[in-house]
């Protein structure tokens, strides 16, 4: 099960996305540049969150 705040990847776009909304098996995901996509849960894979390096 995918939850809001999880980080995911998908084959159709490069990079990591954060889940911003979950409606049944439909997810809204957003990347660091602000690009949002609506995808089916089956099309994503969760990945471990990266920790921000110290500044």
N, C-alpha and C. Protein backbone atom coordinates (compact mmCIF):
# COMPACT_ATOMS: atom_id res chain seq x y z
N UNK A 1 0.84 -1.18 0.00
CA UNK A 1 0.00 0.00 0.00
C UNK A 1 0.88 1.24 0.00
N UNK A 2 0.56 2.18 -0.84
CA UNK A 2 1.31 3.43 -0.95
C UNK A 2 0.58 4.50 -0.16
N UNK A 3 1.34 5.34 0.53
CA UNK A 3 0.76 6.39 1.38
C UNK A 3 1.29 7.76 0.95
N UNK A 4 0.55 8.81 1.30
CA UNK A 4 1.00 10.18 1.05
C UNK A 4 2.35 10.37 1.75
N UNK A 5 3.30 10.96 1.03
CA UNK A 5 4.64 11.18 1.57
C UNK A 5 5.65 10.14 1.14
N UNK A 6 5.19 8.99 0.64
CA UNK A 6 6.12 7.96 0.15
C UNK A 6 6.84 8.45 -1.10
N UNK A 7 8.08 8.01 -1.29
CA UNK A 7 8.81 8.30 -2.51
C UNK A 7 8.68 7.11 -3.44
N UNK A 8 8.45 7.40 -4.73
CA UNK A 8 8.24 6.35 -5.72
C UNK A 8 8.99 6.67 -7.00
N UNK A 9 9.18 5.65 -7.83
CA UNK A 9 9.72 5.80 -9.17
C UNK A 9 8.76 5.10 -10.13
N UNK A 10 8.82 5.52 -11.40
CA UNK A 10 8.03 4.87 -12.43
C UNK A 10 8.82 4.83 -13.72
N UNK A 11 8.47 3.91 -14.60
CA UNK A 11 9.22 3.70 -15.83
C UNK A 11 9.03 4.82 -16.83
N UNK A 12 7.91 5.53 -16.79
CA UNK A 12 7.60 6.51 -17.83
C UNK A 12 8.25 7.87 -17.60
N UNK A 13 8.93 8.05 -16.47
CA UNK A 13 9.57 9.34 -16.18
C UNK A 13 10.80 9.12 -15.31
N UNK A 14 11.83 9.89 -15.57
CA UNK A 14 13.07 9.76 -14.80
C UNK A 14 12.94 10.46 -13.45
N UNK A 15 13.62 9.93 -12.45
CA UNK A 15 13.69 10.57 -11.15
C UNK A 15 12.68 10.05 -10.14
N UNK A 16 12.78 10.64 -8.97
CA UNK A 16 11.91 10.27 -7.85
C UNK A 16 10.73 11.22 -7.77
N UNK A 17 9.61 10.67 -7.32
CA UNK A 17 8.40 11.44 -7.11
C UNK A 17 7.91 11.20 -5.70
N UNK A 18 7.21 12.16 -5.14
CA UNK A 18 6.59 12.02 -3.83
C UNK A 18 5.09 11.92 -4.02
N UNK A 19 4.47 10.99 -3.32
CA UNK A 19 3.02 10.82 -3.41
C UNK A 19 2.37 11.97 -2.64
N UNK A 20 1.49 12.72 -3.33
CA UNK A 20 0.82 13.85 -2.69
C UNK A 20 -0.67 13.60 -2.47
N UNK A 21 -1.24 12.58 -3.13
CA UNK A 21 -2.65 12.23 -2.92
C UNK A 21 -2.88 10.78 -3.33
N UNK A 22 -3.78 10.13 -2.61
CA UNK A 22 -4.16 8.75 -2.91
C UNK A 22 -5.68 8.68 -2.94
N UNK A 23 -6.21 8.21 -4.07
CA UNK A 23 -7.65 8.00 -4.20
C UNK A 23 -7.86 6.60 -4.76
N UNK A 24 -8.08 5.64 -3.86
CA UNK A 24 -8.20 4.24 -4.29
C UNK A 24 -6.87 3.77 -4.84
N UNK A 25 -6.89 3.31 -6.11
CA UNK A 25 -5.63 2.86 -6.73
C UNK A 25 -5.03 3.92 -7.65
N UNK A 26 -5.51 5.17 -7.55
CA UNK A 26 -4.99 6.27 -8.35
C UNK A 26 -4.17 7.20 -7.44
N UNK A 27 -2.94 7.50 -7.88
CA UNK A 27 -2.04 8.34 -7.11
C UNK A 27 -1.76 9.64 -7.85
N UNK A 28 -1.59 10.70 -7.11
CA UNK A 28 -1.04 11.94 -7.65
C UNK A 28 0.35 12.05 -7.08
N UNK A 29 1.34 12.18 -7.98
CA UNK A 29 2.74 12.24 -7.56
C UNK A 29 3.35 13.53 -8.08
N UNK A 30 4.40 14.00 -7.38
CA UNK A 30 5.05 15.26 -7.75
C UNK A 30 6.55 15.10 -7.57
N UNK A 31 7.33 15.66 -8.52
CA UNK A 31 8.78 15.60 -8.39
C UNK A 31 9.30 16.91 -7.81
N UNK A 32 10.62 17.01 -7.65
CA UNK A 32 11.23 18.19 -7.03
C UNK A 32 11.03 19.46 -7.84
N UNK A 33 10.81 19.33 -9.14
CA UNK A 33 10.59 20.49 -10.00
C UNK A 33 9.13 20.94 -10.02
N UNK A 34 8.26 20.21 -9.32
CA UNK A 34 6.86 20.58 -9.25
C UNK A 34 5.97 19.94 -10.30
N UNK A 35 6.54 19.03 -11.10
CA UNK A 35 5.75 18.34 -12.12
C UNK A 35 4.86 17.32 -11.43
N UNK A 36 3.56 17.39 -11.71
CA UNK A 36 2.60 16.45 -11.13
C UNK A 36 2.09 15.48 -12.18
N UNK A 37 1.89 14.25 -11.77
CA UNK A 37 1.33 13.22 -12.64
C UNK A 37 0.28 12.45 -11.86
N UNK A 38 -0.72 11.97 -12.57
CA UNK A 38 -1.72 11.08 -12.00
C UNK A 38 -1.48 9.71 -12.61
N UNK A 39 -1.24 8.71 -11.77
CA UNK A 39 -0.87 7.38 -12.25
C UNK A 39 -1.59 6.31 -11.43
N UNK A 40 -1.63 5.10 -11.97
CA UNK A 40 -2.16 3.98 -11.22
C UNK A 40 -1.10 3.47 -10.25
N UNK A 41 -1.54 3.01 -9.10
CA UNK A 41 -0.62 2.52 -8.07
C UNK A 41 0.24 1.38 -8.60
N UNK A 42 -0.29 0.55 -9.47
CA UNK A 42 0.46 -0.59 -10.00
C UNK A 42 1.64 -0.17 -10.86
N UNK A 43 1.67 1.09 -11.33
CA UNK A 43 2.75 1.54 -12.22
C UNK A 43 3.94 2.12 -11.49
N UNK A 44 3.89 2.21 -10.16
CA UNK A 44 5.00 2.79 -9.40
C UNK A 44 5.63 1.75 -8.49
N UNK A 45 6.85 2.04 -8.10
CA UNK A 45 7.57 1.23 -7.10
C UNK A 45 8.06 2.18 -6.02
N UNK A 46 7.87 1.80 -4.77
CA UNK A 46 8.33 2.64 -3.67
C UNK A 46 9.83 2.46 -3.50
N UNK A 47 10.49 3.54 -3.06
CA UNK A 47 11.92 3.52 -2.77
C UNK A 47 12.13 4.15 -1.40
N UNK A 48 13.27 3.84 -0.79
CA UNK A 48 13.57 4.43 0.51
C UNK A 48 13.78 5.92 0.36
N UNK A 49 13.30 6.68 1.34
CA UNK A 49 13.49 8.13 1.32
C UNK A 49 14.96 8.46 1.48
N UNK A 50 15.40 9.46 0.74
CA UNK A 50 16.77 9.95 0.89
C UNK A 50 16.80 10.99 1.98
N UNK A 51 17.82 10.94 2.78
CA UNK A 51 18.02 11.97 3.80
C UNK A 51 18.74 13.14 3.16
N UNK A 52 18.37 14.33 3.54
CA UNK A 52 19.01 15.52 3.01
C UNK A 52 20.41 15.63 3.61
N UNK A 53 21.44 15.85 2.78
CA UNK A 53 22.80 15.99 3.31
C UNK A 53 22.92 17.28 4.11
N UNK A 54 23.77 17.29 5.14
CA UNK A 54 23.94 18.51 5.92
C UNK A 54 24.54 19.62 5.06
N UNK A 55 24.11 20.83 5.32
CA UNK A 55 24.58 21.97 4.50
C UNK A 55 25.92 22.46 4.98
